[in-house]
């Protein structure tokens, strides 16, 4: 832990015992232990948050690439005069989608 060996740790504890005193040393040690636990917990939560955010960025990037490829494929396979409309002249939306699919299949 931090490159501190057993002799150094004993020396630090002895100095702390002399400076702080035997009555307050357990309370201070307990406070330091809690603070270290909270610090570790906060560090772990921060790391998990960063991992989730990086995974979300990767997923978003994948969706963006898929969207670009889809747009490119649609632009290549549908001529400018055959743009997809939501309704056909007869007002039948399903028929328009079927016609577009037929045209795409014929284009391949």
PDB file of N, CA and C in Angstrom:
ATOM      1  N   UNK A   1       0.848  -1.181   0.000  1.00  0.00           N
ATOM      2  CA  UNK A   1       0.000   0.000   0.000  1.00  0.00           C
ATOM      3  C   UNK A   1       0.887   1.236   0.000  1.00  0.00           C
ATOM      4  N   UNK A   2       0.942   1.971  -1.065  1.00  0.00           N
ATOM      5  CA  UNK A   2       1.701   3.206  -1.226  1.00  0.00           C
ATOM      6  C   UNK A   2       3.198   2.988  -1.015  1.00  0.00           C
ATOM      7  N   UNK A   3       3.680   1.765  -1.105  1.00  0.00           N
ATOM      8  CA  UNK A   3       5.099   1.485  -0.942  1.00  0.00           C
ATOM      9  C   UNK A   3       5.568   1.611   0.503  1.00  0.00           C
ATOM     10  N   UNK A   4       4.643   1.516   1.454  1.00  0.00           N
ATOM     11  CA  UNK A   4       5.005   1.623   2.872  1.00  0.00           C
ATOM     12  C   UNK A   4       5.128   0.207   3.428  1.00  0.00           C
ATOM     13  N   UNK A   5       6.277  -0.095   3.981  1.00  0.00           N
ATOM     14  CA  UNK A   5       6.502  -1.402   4.576  1.00  0.00           C
ATOM     15  C   UNK A   5       6.115  -1.408   6.045  1.00  0.00           C
ATOM     16  N   UNK A   6       6.295  -2.551   6.671  1.00  0.00           N
ATOM     17  CA  UNK A   6       5.924  -2.712   8.080  1.00  0.00           C
ATOM     18  C   UNK A   6       6.731  -1.796   9.003  1.00  0.00           C
ATOM     19  N   UNK A   7       8.059  -1.648   8.823  1.00  0.00           N
ATOM     20  CA  UNK A   7       8.797  -0.756   9.729  1.00  0.00           C
ATOM     21  C   UNK A   7       8.335   0.699   9.623  1.00  0.00           C
ATOM     22  N   UNK A   8       8.065   1.156   8.414  1.00  0.00           N
ATOM     23  CA  UNK A   8       7.601   2.535   8.244  1.00  0.00           C
ATOM     24  C   UNK A   8       6.231   2.744   8.880  1.00  0.00           C
ATOM     25  N   UNK A   9       5.359   1.751   8.730  1.00  0.00           N
ATOM     26  CA  UNK A   9       4.019   1.843   9.310  1.00  0.00           C
ATOM     27  C   UNK A   9       4.083   1.896  10.835  1.00  0.00           C
ATOM     28  N   UNK A  10       4.947   1.098  11.442  1.00  0.00           N
ATOM     29  CA  UNK A  10       5.107   1.113  12.903  1.00  0.00           C
ATOM     30  C   UNK A  10       5.632   2.468  13.364  1.00  0.00           C
ATOM     31  N   UNK A  11       6.594   3.019  12.637  1.00  0.00           N
ATOM     32  CA  UNK A  11       7.136   4.336  12.973  1.00  0.00           C
ATOM     33  C   UNK A  11       6.048   5.421  12.892  1.00  0.00           C
ATOM     34  N   UNK A  12       5.242   5.385  11.850  1.00  0.00           N
ATOM     35  CA  UNK A  12       4.160   6.372  11.698  1.00  0.00           C
ATOM     36  C   UNK A  12       3.160   6.240  12.836  1.00  0.00           C
ATOM     37  N   UNK A  13       2.790   5.008  13.181  1.00  0.00           N
ATOM     38  CA  UNK A  13       1.841   4.797  14.285  1.00  0.00           C
ATOM     39  C   UNK A  13       2.423   5.270  15.618  1.00  0.00           C
ATOM     40  N   UNK A  14       3.709   5.029  15.846  1.00  0.00           N
ATOM     41  CA  UNK A  14       4.344   5.475  17.092  1.00  0.00           C
ATOM     42  C   UNK A  14       4.338   7.000  17.176  1.00  0.00           C
ATOM     43  N   UNK A  15       4.659   7.674  16.084  1.00  0.00           N
ATOM     44  CA  UNK A  15       4.651   9.145  16.084  1.00  0.00           C
ATOM     45  C   UNK A  15       3.227   9.659  16.293  1.00  0.00           C
ATOM     46  N   UNK A  16       2.241   9.001  15.631  1.00  0.00           N
ATOM     47  CA  UNK A  16       0.844   9.410  15.799  1.00  0.00           C
ATOM     48  C   UNK A  16       0.416   9.225  17.249  1.00  0.00           C
ATOM     49  N   UNK A  17       0.824   8.158  17.891  1.00  0.00           N
ATOM     50  CA  UNK A  17       0.471   7.912  19.289  1.00  0.00           C
ATOM     51  C   UNK A  17       1.056   8.987  20.199  1.00  0.00           C
ATOM     52  N   UNK A  18       2.278   9.408  19.913  1.00  0.00           N
ATOM     53  CA  UNK A  18       2.918  10.449  20.730  1.00  0.00           C
ATOM     54  C   UNK A  18       2.256  11.802  20.485  1.00  0.00           C
ATOM     55  N   UNK A  19       2.009  12.155  19.244  1.00  0.00           N
ATOM     56  CA  UNK A  19       1.459  13.473  18.912  1.00  0.00           C
ATOM     57  C   UNK A  19      -0.015  13.586  19.285  1.00  0.00           C
ATOM     58  N   UNK A  20      -0.811  12.594  18.935  1.00  0.00           N
ATOM     59  CA  UNK A  20      -2.254  12.676  19.144  1.00  0.00           C
ATOM     60  C   UNK A  20      -2.644  12.239  20.547  1.00  0.00           C
ATOM     61  N   UNK A  21      -2.015  11.247  21.038  1.00  0.00           N
ATOM     62  CA  UNK A  21      -2.340  10.749  22.372  1.00  0.00           C
ATOM     63  C   UNK A  21      -3.154   9.474  22.288  1.00  0.00           C
ATOM     64  N   UNK A  22      -3.065   8.661  23.326  1.00  0.00           N
ATOM     65  CA  UNK A  22      -3.734   7.354  23.303  1.00  0.00           C
ATOM     66  C   UNK A  22      -5.266   7.432  23.362  1.00  0.00           C
ATOM     67  N   UNK A  23      -5.822   8.547  23.879  1.00  0.00           N
ATOM     68  CA  UNK A  23      -7.274   8.634  24.006  1.00  0.00           C
ATOM     69  C   UNK A  23      -7.958   8.946  22.668  1.00  0.00           C
ATOM     70  N   UNK A  24      -7.356   9.801  21.867  1.00  0.00           N
ATOM     71  CA  UNK A  24      -7.990  10.209  20.619  1.00  0.00           C
ATOM     72  C   UNK A  24      -7.560   9.367  19.420  1.00  0.00           C
ATOM     73  N   UNK A  25      -6.519   8.587  19.557  1.00  0.00           N
ATOM     74  CA  UNK A  25      -6.005   7.805  18.430  1.00  0.00           C
ATOM     75  C   UNK A  25      -7.047   6.828  17.861  1.00  0.00           C
ATOM     76  N   UNK A  26      -7.793   6.079  18.675  1.00  0.00           N
ATOM     77  CA  UNK A  26      -8.805   5.170  18.092  1.00  0.00           C
ATOM     78  C   UNK A  26      -9.894   5.916  17.311  1.00  0.00           C
ATOM     79  N   UNK A  27     -10.325   7.074  17.832  1.00  0.00           N
ATOM     80  CA  UNK A  27     -11.352   7.848  17.126  1.00  0.00           C
ATOM     81  C   UNK A  27     -10.834   8.358  15.781  1.00  0.00           C
ATOM     82  N   UNK A  28      -9.605   8.826  15.774  1.00  0.00           N
ATOM     83  CA  UNK A  28      -9.023   9.329  14.530  1.00  0.00           C
ATOM     84  C   UNK A  28      -8.811   8.179  13.542  1.00  0.00           C
ATOM     85  N   UNK A  29      -8.375   7.028  14.034  1.00  0.00           N
ATOM     86  CA  UNK A  29      -8.186   5.869  13.160  1.00  0.00           C
ATOM     87  C   UNK A  29      -9.521   5.430  12.553  1.00  0.00           C
ATOM     88  N   UNK A  30     -10.586   5.459  13.355  1.00  0.00           N
ATOM     89  CA  UNK A  30     -11.907   5.099  12.868  1.00  0.00           C
ATOM     90  C   UNK A  30     -12.371   6.088  11.794  1.00  0.00           C
ATOM     91  N   UNK A  31     -12.138   7.360  12.037  1.00  0.00           N
ATOM     92  CA  UNK A  31     -12.511   8.390  11.057  1.00  0.00           C
ATOM     93  C   UNK A  31     -11.727   8.228   9.754  1.00  0.00           C
ATOM     94  N   UNK A  32     -10.433   7.949   9.871  1.00  0.00           N
ATOM     95  CA  UNK A  32      -9.613   7.734   8.678  1.00  0.00           C
ATOM     96  C   UNK A  32     -10.077   6.497   7.908  1.00  0.00           C
ATOM     97  N   UNK A  33     -10.422   5.456   8.624  1.00  0.00           N
ATOM     98  CA  UNK A  33     -10.923   4.235   7.983  1.00  0.00           C
ATOM     99  C   UNK A  33     -12.212   4.495   7.217  1.00  0.00           C
ATOM    100  N   UNK A  34     -13.129   5.223   7.832  1.00  0.00           N
ATOM    101  CA  UNK A  34     -14.388   5.565   7.152  1.00  0.00           C
ATOM    102  C   UNK A  34     -14.133   6.448   5.937  1.00  0.00           C
ATOM    103  N   UNK A  35     -13.231   7.409   6.092  1.00  0.00           N
ATOM    104  CA  UNK A  35     -12.926   8.304   4.977  1.00  0.00           C
ATOM    105  C   UNK A  35     -12.325   7.518   3.809  1.00  0.00           C
ATOM    106  N   UNK A  36     -11.428   6.598   4.104  1.00  0.00           N
ATOM    107  CA  UNK A  36     -10.831   5.777   3.045  1.00  0.00           C
ATOM    108  C   UNK A  36     -11.892   4.914   2.369  1.00  0.00           C
ATOM    109  N   UNK A  37     -12.807   4.352   3.148  1.00  0.00           N
ATOM    110  CA  UNK A  37     -13.901   3.551   2.582  1.00  0.00           C
ATOM    111  C   UNK A  37     -14.784   4.380   1.659  1.00  0.00           C
ATOM    112  N   UNK A  38     -15.127   5.585   2.098  1.00  0.00           N
ATOM    113  CA  UNK A  38     -15.939   6.474   1.265  1.00  0.00           C
ATOM    114  C   UNK A  38     -15.189   6.866  -0.009  1.00  0.00           C
ATOM    115  N   UNK A  39     -13.899   7.119   0.132  1.00  0.00           N
ATOM    116  CA  UNK A  39     -13.094   7.482  -1.035  1.00  0.00           C
ATOM    117  C   UNK A  39     -13.059   6.330  -2.045  1.00  0.00           C
ATOM    118  N   UNK A  40     -12.862   5.109  -1.565  1.00  0.00           N
ATOM    119  CA  UNK A  40     -12.852   3.950  -2.453  1.00  0.00           C
ATOM    120  C   UNK A  40     -14.204   3.764  -3.130  1.00  0.00           C
ATOM    121  N   UNK A  41     -15.283   3.948  -2.372  1.00  0.00           N
ATOM    122  CA  UNK A  41     -16.631   3.814  -2.921  1.00  0.00           C
ATOM    123  C   UNK A  41     -16.872   4.860  -4.010  1.00  0.00           C
ATOM    124  N   UNK A  42     -16.504   6.102  -3.745  1.00  0.00           N
ATOM    125  CA  UNK A  42     -16.686   7.170  -4.731  1.00  0.00           C
ATOM    126  C   UNK A  42     -15.851   6.912  -5.976  1.00  0.00           C
ATOM    127  N   UNK A  43     -14.639   6.425  -5.796  1.00  0.00           N
ATOM    128  CA  UNK A  43     -13.773   6.109  -6.923  1.00  0.00           C
ATOM    129  C   UNK A  43     -14.364   4.995  -7.769  1.00  0.00           C
ATOM    130  N   UNK A  44     -14.869   3.956  -7.116  1.00  0.00           N
ATOM    131  CA  UNK A  44     -15.482   2.833  -7.833  1.00  0.00           C
ATOM    132  C   UNK A  44     -16.720   3.295  -8.619  1.00  0.00           C
ATOM    133  N   UNK A  45     -17.574   4.115  -7.997  1.00  0.00           N
ATOM    134  CA  UNK A  45     -18.767   4.621  -8.670  1.00  0.00           C
ATOM    135  C   UNK A  45     -18.402   5.503  -9.865  1.00  0.00           C
ATOM    136  N   UNK A  46     -17.376   6.337  -9.698  1.00  0.00           N
ATOM    137  CA  UNK A  46     -16.931   7.191 -10.796  1.00  0.00           C
ATOM    138  C   UNK A  46     -16.430   6.342 -11.964  1.00  0.00           C
ATOM    139  N   UNK A  47     -15.656   5.308 -11.646  1.00  0.00           N
ATOM    140  CA  UNK A  47     -15.133   4.429 -12.690  1.00  0.00           C
ATOM    141  C   UNK A  47     -16.276   3.724 -13.415  1.00  0.00           C
ATOM    142  N   UNK A  48     -17.274   3.238 -12.687  1.00  0.00           N
ATOM    143  CA  UNK A  48     -18.415   2.575 -13.308  1.00  0.00           C
ATOM    144  C   UNK A  48     -19.177   3.551 -14.204  1.00  0.00           C
ATOM    145  N   UNK A  49     -19.326   4.788 -13.762  1.00  0.00           N
ATOM    146  CA  UNK A  49     -20.007   5.798 -14.566  1.00  0.00           C
ATOM    147  C   UNK A  49     -19.253   6.055 -15.855  1.00  0.00           C
ATOM    148  N   UNK A  50     -17.943   6.158 -15.770  1.00  0.00           N
ATOM    149  CA  UNK A  50     -17.143   6.393 -16.967  1.00  0.00           C
ATOM    150  C   UNK A  50     -17.222   5.207 -17.918  1.00  0.00           C
ATOM    151  N   UNK A  51     -17.243   3.976 -17.385  1.00  0.00           N
ATOM    152  CA  UNK A  51     -17.370   2.790 -18.226  1.00  0.00           C
ATOM    153  C   UNK A  51     -18.702   2.787 -18.958  1.00  0.00           C
ATOM    154  N   UNK A  52     -19.773   3.131 -18.243  1.00  0.00           N
ATOM    155  CA  UNK A  52     -21.104   3.164 -18.858  1.00  0.00           C
ATOM    156  C   UNK A  52     -21.150   4.230 -19.947  1.00  0.00           C
ATOM    157  N   UNK A  53     -20.576   5.396 -19.677  1.00  0.00           N
ATOM    158  CA  UNK A  53     -20.582   6.468 -20.667  1.00  0.00           C
ATOM    159  C   UNK A  53     -19.788   6.079 -21.911  1.00  0.00           C
ATOM    160  N   UNK A  54     -18.659   5.404 -21.730  1.00  0.00           N
ATOM    161  CA  UNK A  54     -17.869   5.002 -22.899  1.00  0.00           C
ATOM    162  C   UNK A  54     -18.618   3.942 -23.705  1.00  0.00           C
ATOM    163  N   UNK A  55     -19.314   3.025 -23.026  1.00  0.00           N
ATOM    164  CA  UNK A  55     -20.109   2.024 -23.732  1.00  0.00           C
ATOM    165  C   UNK A  55     -21.258   2.689 -24.489  1.00  0.00           C
ATOM    166  N   UNK A  56     -21.879   3.695 -23.879  1.00  0.00           N
ATOM    167  CA  UNK A  56     -22.967   4.411 -24.543  1.00  0.00           C
ATOM    168  C   UNK A  56     -22.449   5.155 -25.768  1.00  0.00           C
ATOM    169  N   UNK A  57     -21.252   5.727 -25.684  1.00  0.00           N
ATOM    170  CA  UNK A  57     -20.666   6.399 -26.844  1.00  0.00           C
ATOM    171  C   UNK A  57     -20.439   5.404 -27.987  1.00  0.00           C
ATOM    172  N   UNK A  58     -19.964   4.197 -27.636  1.00  0.00           N
ATOM    173  CA  UNK A  58     -19.739   3.172 -28.656  1.00  0.00           C
ATOM    174  C   UNK A  58     -21.053   2.754 -29.310  1.00  0.00           C
ATOM    175  N   UNK A  59     -22.100   2.589 -28.505  1.00  0.00           N
ATOM    176  CA  UNK A  59     -23.403   2.205 -29.040  1.00  0.00           C
ATOM    177  C   UNK A  59     -23.948   3.314 -29.935  1.00  0.00           C
ATOM    178  N   UNK A  60     -23.832   4.562 -29.485  1.00  0.00           N
ATOM    179  CA  UNK A  60     -24.306   5.693 -30.284  1.00  0.00           C
ATOM    180  C   UNK A  60     -23.544   5.772 -31.606  1.00  0.00           C
ATOM    181  N   UNK A  61     -22.245   5.550 -31.549  1.00  0.00           N
ATOM    182  CA  UNK A  61     -21.427   5.578 -32.762  1.00  0.00           C
ATOM    183  C   UNK A  61     -21.885   4.485 -33.728  1.00  0.00           C
ATOM    184  N   UNK A  62     -22.171   3.293 -33.209  1.00  0.00           N
ATOM    185  CA  UNK A  62     -22.645   2.198 -34.054  1.00  0.00           C
ATOM    186  C   UNK A  62     -23.975   2.546 -34.716  1.00  0.00           C
ATOM    187  N   UNK A  63     -24.886   3.139 -33.939  1.00  0.00           N
ATOM    188  CA  UNK A  63     -26.175   3.530 -34.500  1.00  0.00           C
ATOM    189  C   UNK A  63     -26.010   4.626 -35.546  1.00  0.00           C
ATOM    190  N   UNK A  64     -25.122   5.570 -35.299  1.00  0.00           N
ATOM    191  CA  UNK A  64     -24.876   6.635 -36.275  1.00  0.00           C
ATOM    192  C   UNK A  64     -24.321   6.061 -37.579  1.00  0.00           C
ATOM    193  N   UNK A  65     -23.378   5.120 -37.466  1.00  0.00           N
ATOM    194  CA  UNK A  65     -22.818   4.483 -38.662  1.00  0.00           C
ATOM    195  C   UNK A  65     -23.891   3.707 -39.410  1.00  0.00           C
ATOM    196  N   UNK A  66     -24.734   2.988 -38.681  1.00  0.00           N
ATOM    197  CA  UNK A  66     -25.816   2.233 -39.303  1.00  0.00           C
ATOM    198  C   UNK A  66     -26.786   3.177 -40.008  1.00  0.00           C
ATOM    199  N   UNK A  67     -27.091   4.294 -39.371  1.00  0.00           N
ATOM    200  CA  UNK A  67     -27.989   5.284 -39.961  1.00  0.00           C
ATOM    201  C   UNK A  67     -27.390   5.860 -41.240  1.00  0.00           C
ATOM    202  N   UNK A  68     -26.089   6.171 -41.228  1.00  0.00           N
ATOM    203  CA  UNK A  68     -25.425   6.698 -42.416  1.00  0.00           C
ATOM    204  C   UNK A  68     -25.434   5.678 -43.553  1.00  0.00           C
ATOM    205  N   UNK A  69     -25.152   4.416 -43.235  1.00  0.00           N
ATOM    206  CA  UNK A  69     -25.154   3.379 -44.258  1.00  0.00           C
ATOM    207  C   UNK A  69     -26.553   3.198 -44.842  1.00  0.00           C
ATOM    208  N   UNK A  70     -27.560   3.235 -43.982  1.00  0.00           N
ATOM    209  CA  UNK A  70     -28.937   3.096 -44.445  1.00  0.00           C
ATOM    210  C   UNK A  70     -29.315   4.254 -45.357  1.00  0.00           C
ATOM    211  N   UNK A  71     -28.990   5.468 -44.944  1.00  0.00           N
ATOM    212  CA  UNK A  71     -29.283   6.643 -45.775  1.00  0.00           C
ATOM    213  C   UNK A  71     -28.571   6.552 -47.117  1.00  0.00           C
ATOM    214  N   UNK A  72     -27.322   6.118 -47.096  1.00  0.00           N
ATOM    215  CA  UNK A  72     -26.545   6.001 -48.336  1.00  0.00           C
ATOM    216  C   UNK A  72     -27.168   4.955 -49.248  1.00  0.00           C
ATOM    217  N   UNK A  73     -27.570   3.811 -48.676  1.00  0.00           N
ATOM    218  CA  UNK A  73     -28.181   2.751 -49.473  1.00  0.00           C
ATOM    219  C   UNK A  73     -29.493   3.217 -50.082  1.00  0.00           C
ATOM    220  N   UNK A  74     -30.290   3.917 -49.304  1.00  0.00           N
ATOM    221  CA  UNK A  74     -31.571   4.427 -49.806  1.00  0.00           C
ATOM    222  C   UNK A  74     -31.326   5.430 -50.916  1.00  0.00           C
ATOM    223  N   UNK A  75     -30.368   6.334 -50.724  1.00  0.00           N
ATOM    224  CA  UNK A  75     -30.070   7.333 -51.741  1.00  0.00           C
ATOM    225  C   UNK A  75     -29.567   6.695 -53.038  1.00  0.00           C
ATOM    226  N   UNK A  76     -28.782   5.625 -52.921  1.00  0.00           N
ATOM    227  CA  UNK A  76     -28.247   4.963 -54.102  1.00  0.00           C
ATOM    228  C   UNK A  76     -29.313   4.176 -54.854  1.00  0.00           C
ATOM    229  N   UNK A  77     -30.253   3.584 -54.135  1.00  0.00           N
ATOM    230  CA  UNK A  77     -31.215   2.675 -54.753  1.00  0.00           C
ATOM    231  C   UNK A  77     -32.532   3.335 -55.149  1.00  0.00           C
ATOM    232  N   UNK A  78     -32.806   4.503 -54.658  1.00  0.00           N
ATOM    233  CA  UNK A  78     -34.041   5.180 -55.008  1.00  0.00           C
ATOM    234  C   UNK A  78     -33.686   6.398 -55.842  1.00  0.00           C
ATOM    235  N   UNK A  79     -34.176   6.453 -57.052  1.00  0.00           N
ATOM    236  CA  UNK A  79     -33.888   7.577 -57.939  1.00  0.00           C
ATOM    237  C   UNK A  79     -34.550   8.840 -57.389  1.00  0.00           C
ATOM    238  N   UNK A  80     -34.013  10.036 -57.702  1.00  0.00           N
ATOM    239  CA  UNK A  80     -34.578  11.276 -57.180  1.00  0.00           C
ATOM    240  C   UNK A  80     -36.049  11.473 -57.531  1.00  0.00           C
ATOM    241  N   UNK A  81     -36.496  10.977 -58.687  1.00  0.00           N
ATOM    242  CA  UNK A  81     -37.900  11.145 -59.049  1.00  0.00           C
ATOM    243  C   UNK A  81     -38.794  10.089 -58.407  1.00  0.00           C
ATOM    244  N   UNK A  82     -38.219   9.102 -57.769  1.00  0.00           N
ATOM    245  CA  UNK A  82     -38.994   8.049 -57.107  1.00  0.00           C
ATOM    246  C   UNK A  82     -38.864   8.134 -55.591  1.00  0.00           C
ATOM    247  N   UNK A  83     -38.799   9.331 -55.045  1.00  0.00           N
ATOM    248  CA  UNK A  83     -38.661   9.494 -53.602  1.00  0.00           C
ATOM    249  C   UNK A  83     -39.847   8.870 -52.883  1.00  0.00           C
ATOM    250  N   UNK A  84     -39.614   8.381 -51.696  1.00  0.00           N
ATOM    251  CA  UNK A  84     -40.645   7.742 -50.900  1.00  0.00           C
ATOM    252  C   UNK A  84     -41.600   8.812 -50.388  1.00  0.00           C
ATOM    253  N   UNK A  85     -42.870   8.600 -50.609  1.00  0.00           N
ATOM    254  CA  UNK A  85     -43.887   9.509 -50.074  1.00  0.00           C
ATOM    255  C   UNK A  85     -44.749   8.729 -49.102  1.00  0.00           C
ATOM    256  N   UNK A  86     -45.369   9.434 -48.186  1.00  0.00           N
ATOM    257  CA  UNK A  86     -46.161   8.750 -47.165  1.00  0.00           C
ATOM    258  C   UNK A  86     -47.487   8.266 -47.710  1.00  0.00           C
ATOM    259  N   UNK A  87     -48.007   8.901 -48.764  1.00  0.00           N
ATOM    260  CA  UNK A  87     -49.262   8.439 -49.355  1.00  0.00           C
ATOM    261  C   UNK A  87     -49.122   8.398 -50.860  1.00  0.00           C
ATOM    262  N   UNK A  88     -49.813   7.474 -51.473  1.00  0.00           N
ATOM    263  CA  UNK A  88     -49.824   7.383 -52.931  1.00  0.00           C
ATOM    264  C   UNK A  88     -50.927   8.295 -53.455  1.00  0.00           C
ATOM    265  N   UNK A  89     -50.989   8.504 -54.763  1.00  0.00           N
ATOM    266  CA  UNK A  89     -52.058   9.340 -55.301  1.00  0.00           C
ATOM    267  C   UNK A  89     -53.442   8.840 -54.897  1.00  0.00           C
ATOM    268  N   UNK A  90     -53.576   7.547 -54.694  1.00  0.00           N
ATOM    269  CA  UNK A  90     -54.874   7.020 -54.289  1.00  0.00           C
ATOM    270  C   UNK A  90     -55.086   7.136 -52.783  1.00  0.00           C
ATOM    271  N   UNK A  91     -54.039   7.573 -52.047  1.00  0.00           N
ATOM    272  CA  UNK A  91     -54.160   7.756 -50.604  1.00  0.00           C
ATOM    273  C   UNK A  91     -53.868   6.504 -49.811  1.00  0.00           C
ATOM    274  N   UNK A  92     -53.339   5.475 -50.434  1.00  0.00           N
ATOM    275  CA  UNK A  92     -53.081   4.206 -49.763  1.00  0.00           C
ATOM    276  C   UNK A  92     -51.607   4.118 -49.388  1.00  0.00           C
ATOM    277  N   UNK A  93     -51.288   4.259 -48.096  1.00  0.00           N
ATOM    278  CA  UNK A  93     -49.898   4.271 -47.636  1.00  0.00           C
ATOM    279  C   UNK A  93     -49.240   2.910 -47.794  1.00  0.00           C
ATOM    280  N   UNK A  94     -49.972   1.814 -47.551  1.00  0.00           N
ATOM    281  CA  UNK A  94     -49.394   0.483 -47.673  1.00  0.00           C
ATOM    282  C   UNK A  94     -48.986   0.189 -49.113  1.00  0.00           C
ATOM    283  N   UNK A  95     -49.780   0.611 -50.049  1.00  0.00           N
ATOM    284  CA  UNK A  95     -49.483   0.380 -51.446  1.00  0.00           C
ATOM    285  C   UNK A  95     -48.184   1.085 -51.846  1.00  0.00           C
ATOM    286  N   UNK A  96     -47.980   2.318 -51.333  1.00  0.00           N
ATOM    287  CA  UNK A  96     -46.770   3.066 -51.644  1.00  0.00           C
ATOM    288  C   UNK A  96     -45.546   2.319 -51.135  1.00  0.00           C
ATOM    289  N   UNK A  97     -45.599   1.809 -49.925  1.00  0.00           N
ATOM    290  CA  UNK A  97     -44.462   1.077 -49.372  1.00  0.00           C
ATOM    291  C   UNK A  97     -44.169  -0.181 -50.191  1.00  0.00           C
ATOM    292  N   UNK A  98     -45.223  -0.876 -50.622  1.00  0.00           N
ATOM    293  CA  UNK A  98     -45.030  -2.073 -51.435  1.00  0.00           C
ATOM    294  C   UNK A  98     -44.402  -1.719 -52.773  1.00  0.00           C
ATOM    295  N   UNK A  99     -44.833  -0.620 -53.374  1.00  0.00           N
ATOM    296  CA  UNK A  99     -44.264  -0.190 -54.644  1.00  0.00           C
ATOM    297  C   UNK A  99     -42.780   0.147 -54.489  1.00  0.00           C
ATOM    298  N   UNK A 100     -42.436   0.835 -53.394  1.00  0.00           N
ATOM    299  CA  UNK A 100     -41.037   1.191 -53.148  1.00  0.00           C
ATOM    300  C   UNK A 100     -40.202  -0.064 -52.969  1.00  0.00           C
ATOM    301  N   UNK A 101     -40.714  -1.037 -52.245  1.00  0.00           N
ATOM    302  CA  UNK A 101     -39.976  -2.286 -52.047  1.00  0.00           C
ATOM    303  C   UNK A 101     -39.755  -3.016 -53.363  1.00  0.00           C
ATOM    304  N   UNK A 102     -40.797  -3.025 -54.211  1.00  0.00           N
ATOM    305  CA  UNK A 102     -40.647  -3.665 -55.518  1.00  0.00           C
ATOM    306  C   UNK A 102     -39.574  -2.963 -56.344  1.00  0.00           C
ATOM    307  N   UNK A 103     -39.572  -1.639 -56.332  1.00  0.00           N
ATOM    308  CA  UNK A 103     -38.585  -0.885 -57.089  1.00  0.00           C
ATOM    309  C   UNK A 103     -37.188  -1.144 -56.571  1.00  0.00           C
ATOM    310  N   UNK A 104     -37.038  -1.256 -55.217  1.00  0.00           N
ATOM    311  CA  UNK A 104     -35.709  -1.534 -54.642  1.00  0.00           C
ATOM    312  C   UNK A 104     -35.223  -2.912 -55.062  1.00  0.00           C
ATOM    313  N   UNK A 105     -36.136  -3.888 -55.079  1.00  0.00           N
ATOM    314  CA  UNK A 105     -35.759  -5.249 -55.466  1.00  0.00           C
ATOM    315  C   UNK A 105     -35.355  -5.268 -56.928  1.00  0.00           C
ATOM    316  N   UNK A 106     -36.098  -4.575 -57.768  1.00  0.00           N
ATOM    317  CA  UNK A 106     -35.765  -4.513 -59.178  1.00  0.00           C
ATOM    318  C   UNK A 106     -34.420  -3.824 -59.414  1.00  0.00           C
ATOM    319  N   UNK A 107     -34.075  -2.866 -58.536  1.00  0.00           N
ATOM    320  CA  UNK A 107     -32.817  -2.161 -58.672  1.00  0.00           C
ATOM    321  C   UNK A 107     -31.608  -3.024 -58.389  1.00  0.00           C
ATOM    322  N   UNK A 108     -31.779  -4.079 -57.623  1.00  0.00           N
ATOM    323  CA  UNK A 108     -30.669  -4.978 -57.329  1.00  0.00           C
ATOM    324  C   UNK A 108     -30.513  -5.884 -58.480  1.00  0.00           C
TER     325      UNK A 108
END
